[in-house]
């Protein structure tokens, strides 16, 4: 996302917002749906967990790169 937007010539506010939006972790609503419909409960919980852990790194890196 960062490379593509910069290659297309977009400016700083658009690039920063778009890149940080893609770095946001998965929403916990996924777990609620999995529990409600009793489908892929463990997979949904682990996806949200790993997404949250990864977002700590990716959001920090992307904030540093877009400043």
N, C-alpha and C. Protein backbone atom coordinates (compact mmCIF):
# COMPACT_ATOMS: atom_id res chain seq x y z
N UNK A 1 0.83 -1.18 0.00
CA UNK A 1 0.00 0.00 0.00
C UNK A 1 0.88 1.24 0.00
N UNK A 2 1.87 1.26 0.87
CA UNK A 2 2.74 2.43 0.97
C UNK A 2 3.49 2.66 -0.34
N UNK A 3 4.09 1.62 -0.87
CA UNK A 3 4.83 1.75 -2.11
C UNK A 3 3.94 2.11 -3.29
N UNK A 4 2.77 1.51 -3.36
CA UNK A 4 1.85 1.78 -4.46
C UNK A 4 1.34 3.20 -4.47
N UNK A 5 0.98 3.71 -3.31
CA UNK A 5 0.48 5.09 -3.24
C UNK A 5 1.57 6.11 -3.52
N UNK A 6 2.77 5.84 -3.02
CA UNK A 6 3.87 6.76 -3.31
C UNK A 6 4.25 6.70 -4.78
N UNK A 7 4.20 5.52 -5.39
CA UNK A 7 4.49 5.38 -6.81
C UNK A 7 3.47 6.12 -7.66
N UNK A 8 2.21 6.12 -7.22
CA UNK A 8 1.17 6.84 -7.94
C UNK A 8 1.21 8.35 -7.70
N UNK A 9 2.03 8.79 -6.75
CA UNK A 9 2.22 10.21 -6.53
C UNK A 9 1.29 10.85 -5.52
N UNK A 10 0.68 10.05 -4.67
CA UNK A 10 -0.21 10.63 -3.65
C UNK A 10 0.60 11.32 -2.58
N UNK A 11 -0.01 12.32 -1.95
CA UNK A 11 0.65 13.12 -0.93
C UNK A 11 0.59 12.50 0.45
N UNK A 12 1.17 13.21 1.41
CA UNK A 12 1.34 12.72 2.76
C UNK A 12 0.04 12.41 3.50
N UNK A 13 -0.97 13.28 3.53
CA UNK A 13 -2.14 12.93 4.34
C UNK A 13 -2.85 11.67 3.84
N UNK A 14 -2.98 11.53 2.54
CA UNK A 14 -3.68 10.37 1.99
C UNK A 14 -2.89 9.10 2.24
N UNK A 15 -1.58 9.15 2.03
CA UNK A 15 -0.73 7.97 2.21
C UNK A 15 -0.74 7.53 3.67
N UNK A 16 -0.59 8.45 4.58
CA UNK A 16 -0.56 8.11 6.01
C UNK A 16 -1.86 7.45 6.45
N UNK A 17 -2.97 8.02 6.05
CA UNK A 17 -4.27 7.48 6.46
C UNK A 17 -4.53 6.11 5.83
N UNK A 18 -4.23 5.95 4.57
CA UNK A 18 -4.48 4.68 3.89
C UNK A 18 -3.60 3.56 4.45
N UNK A 19 -2.34 3.86 4.68
CA UNK A 19 -1.42 2.84 5.19
C UNK A 19 -1.79 2.43 6.61
N UNK A 20 -2.13 3.38 7.46
CA UNK A 20 -2.51 3.03 8.83
C UNK A 20 -3.84 2.28 8.86
N UNK A 21 -4.73 2.59 7.94
CA UNK A 21 -5.99 1.86 7.88
C UNK A 21 -5.76 0.39 7.55
N UNK A 22 -4.83 0.10 6.67
CA UNK A 22 -4.55 -1.30 6.34
C UNK A 22 -3.79 -2.02 7.45
N UNK A 23 -3.17 -1.28 8.37
CA UNK A 23 -2.44 -1.91 9.47
C UNK A 23 -3.30 -2.16 10.69
N UNK A 24 -4.55 -1.71 10.67
CA UNK A 24 -5.45 -1.90 11.81
C UNK A 24 -5.77 -3.39 11.95
N UNK A 25 -5.77 -3.91 13.17
CA UNK A 25 -6.04 -5.34 13.36
C UNK A 25 -7.50 -5.72 13.06
N UNK A 26 -7.71 -7.02 12.95
CA UNK A 26 -9.04 -7.57 12.72
C UNK A 26 -9.97 -7.20 13.86
N UNK A 27 -11.21 -6.93 13.54
CA UNK A 27 -12.18 -6.53 14.56
C UNK A 27 -12.66 -7.74 15.38
N UNK A 28 -12.90 -7.55 16.67
CA UNK A 28 -13.38 -8.65 17.52
C UNK A 28 -14.79 -9.13 17.17
N UNK A 29 -15.51 -8.43 16.30
CA UNK A 29 -16.85 -8.89 15.90
C UNK A 29 -16.78 -10.26 15.24
N UNK A 30 -15.62 -10.58 14.66
CA UNK A 30 -15.42 -11.89 14.03
C UNK A 30 -15.62 -13.00 15.06
N UNK A 31 -15.10 -12.80 16.25
CA UNK A 31 -15.26 -13.80 17.31
C UNK A 31 -16.72 -13.91 17.72
N UNK A 32 -17.42 -12.80 17.80
CA UNK A 32 -18.83 -12.84 18.18
C UNK A 32 -19.66 -13.61 17.16
N UNK A 33 -19.40 -13.40 15.88
CA UNK A 33 -20.11 -14.17 14.85
C UNK A 33 -19.76 -15.65 14.91
N UNK A 34 -18.50 -15.96 15.14
CA UNK A 34 -18.08 -17.36 15.22
C UNK A 34 -18.76 -18.06 16.40
N UNK A 35 -18.86 -17.38 17.52
CA UNK A 35 -19.52 -17.98 18.68
C UNK A 35 -21.02 -18.11 18.46
N UNK A 36 -21.61 -17.12 17.84
CA UNK A 36 -23.06 -17.15 17.61
C UNK A 36 -23.46 -18.29 16.69
N UNK A 37 -22.70 -18.47 15.61
CA UNK A 37 -23.05 -19.50 14.63
C UNK A 37 -22.29 -20.82 14.84
N UNK A 38 -21.43 -20.85 15.87
CA UNK A 38 -20.67 -22.04 16.24
C UNK A 38 -19.86 -22.59 15.06
N UNK A 39 -19.18 -21.69 14.38
CA UNK A 39 -18.35 -22.07 13.24
C UNK A 39 -16.97 -21.43 13.41
N UNK A 40 -15.93 -22.23 13.31
CA UNK A 40 -14.53 -21.76 13.32
C UNK A 40 -14.22 -20.85 14.51
N UNK A 41 -14.64 -21.26 15.69
CA UNK A 41 -14.44 -20.43 16.87
C UNK A 41 -12.97 -20.27 17.22
N UNK A 42 -12.23 -21.36 17.22
CA UNK A 42 -10.80 -21.29 17.56
C UNK A 42 -10.02 -20.51 16.51
N UNK A 43 -10.36 -20.71 15.24
CA UNK A 43 -9.67 -20.00 14.17
C UNK A 43 -9.92 -18.50 14.23
N UNK A 44 -11.15 -18.12 14.53
CA UNK A 44 -11.48 -16.70 14.63
C UNK A 44 -10.74 -16.04 15.79
N UNK A 45 -10.70 -16.73 16.92
CA UNK A 45 -10.02 -16.18 18.09
C UNK A 45 -8.52 -16.04 17.83
N UNK A 46 -7.92 -17.04 17.21
CA UNK A 46 -6.48 -16.95 16.94
C UNK A 46 -6.18 -15.92 15.87
N UNK A 47 -7.07 -15.73 14.90
CA UNK A 47 -6.85 -14.71 13.87
C UNK A 47 -6.85 -13.32 14.50
N UNK A 48 -7.78 -13.07 15.41
CA UNK A 48 -7.82 -11.76 16.08
C UNK A 48 -6.59 -11.57 16.97
N UNK A 49 -6.18 -12.62 17.65
CA UNK A 49 -5.00 -12.53 18.52
C UNK A 49 -3.75 -12.20 17.71
N UNK A 50 -3.51 -12.95 16.65
CA UNK A 50 -2.31 -12.71 15.85
C UNK A 50 -2.38 -11.37 15.11
N UNK A 51 -3.56 -10.96 14.77
CA UNK A 51 -3.74 -9.66 14.13
C UNK A 51 -3.39 -8.53 15.10
N UNK A 52 -3.80 -8.67 16.33
CA UNK A 52 -3.48 -7.66 17.34
C UNK A 52 -1.98 -7.63 17.62
N UNK A 53 -1.35 -8.78 17.74
CA UNK A 53 0.09 -8.83 18.00
C UNK A 53 0.87 -8.27 16.81
N UNK A 54 0.46 -8.59 15.61
CA UNK A 54 1.14 -8.07 14.44
C UNK A 54 0.95 -6.59 14.24
N UNK A 55 -0.19 -6.08 14.67
CA UNK A 55 -0.46 -4.65 14.49
C UNK A 55 0.46 -3.78 15.33
N UNK A 56 0.93 -4.29 16.43
CA UNK A 56 1.87 -3.53 17.25
C UNK A 56 3.12 -3.20 16.43
N UNK A 57 3.61 -4.18 15.71
CA UNK A 57 4.80 -3.98 14.89
C UNK A 57 4.47 -3.19 13.63
N UNK A 58 3.44 -3.62 12.90
CA UNK A 58 3.17 -2.98 11.61
C UNK A 58 2.73 -1.53 11.75
N UNK A 59 1.93 -1.23 12.74
CA UNK A 59 1.50 0.17 12.91
C UNK A 59 2.67 1.06 13.29
N UNK A 60 3.55 0.56 14.15
CA UNK A 60 4.73 1.34 14.51
C UNK A 60 5.64 1.60 13.33
N UNK A 61 5.85 0.57 12.52
CA UNK A 61 6.71 0.72 11.35
C UNK A 61 6.08 1.68 10.35
N UNK A 62 4.79 1.53 10.09
CA UNK A 62 4.13 2.39 9.11
C UNK A 62 4.04 3.84 9.58
N UNK A 63 3.87 4.06 10.86
CA UNK A 63 3.87 5.44 11.37
C UNK A 63 5.25 6.06 11.16
N UNK A 64 6.30 5.29 11.42
CA UNK A 64 7.65 5.80 11.22
C UNK A 64 7.94 6.08 9.75
N UNK A 65 7.43 5.24 8.84
CA UNK A 65 7.70 5.40 7.42
C UNK A 65 6.90 6.54 6.78
N UNK A 66 5.74 6.85 7.33
CA UNK A 66 4.89 7.87 6.70
C UNK A 66 5.11 9.27 7.27
N UNK A 67 5.98 9.42 8.21
CA UNK A 67 6.24 10.76 8.77
C UNK A 67 7.23 11.49 7.94
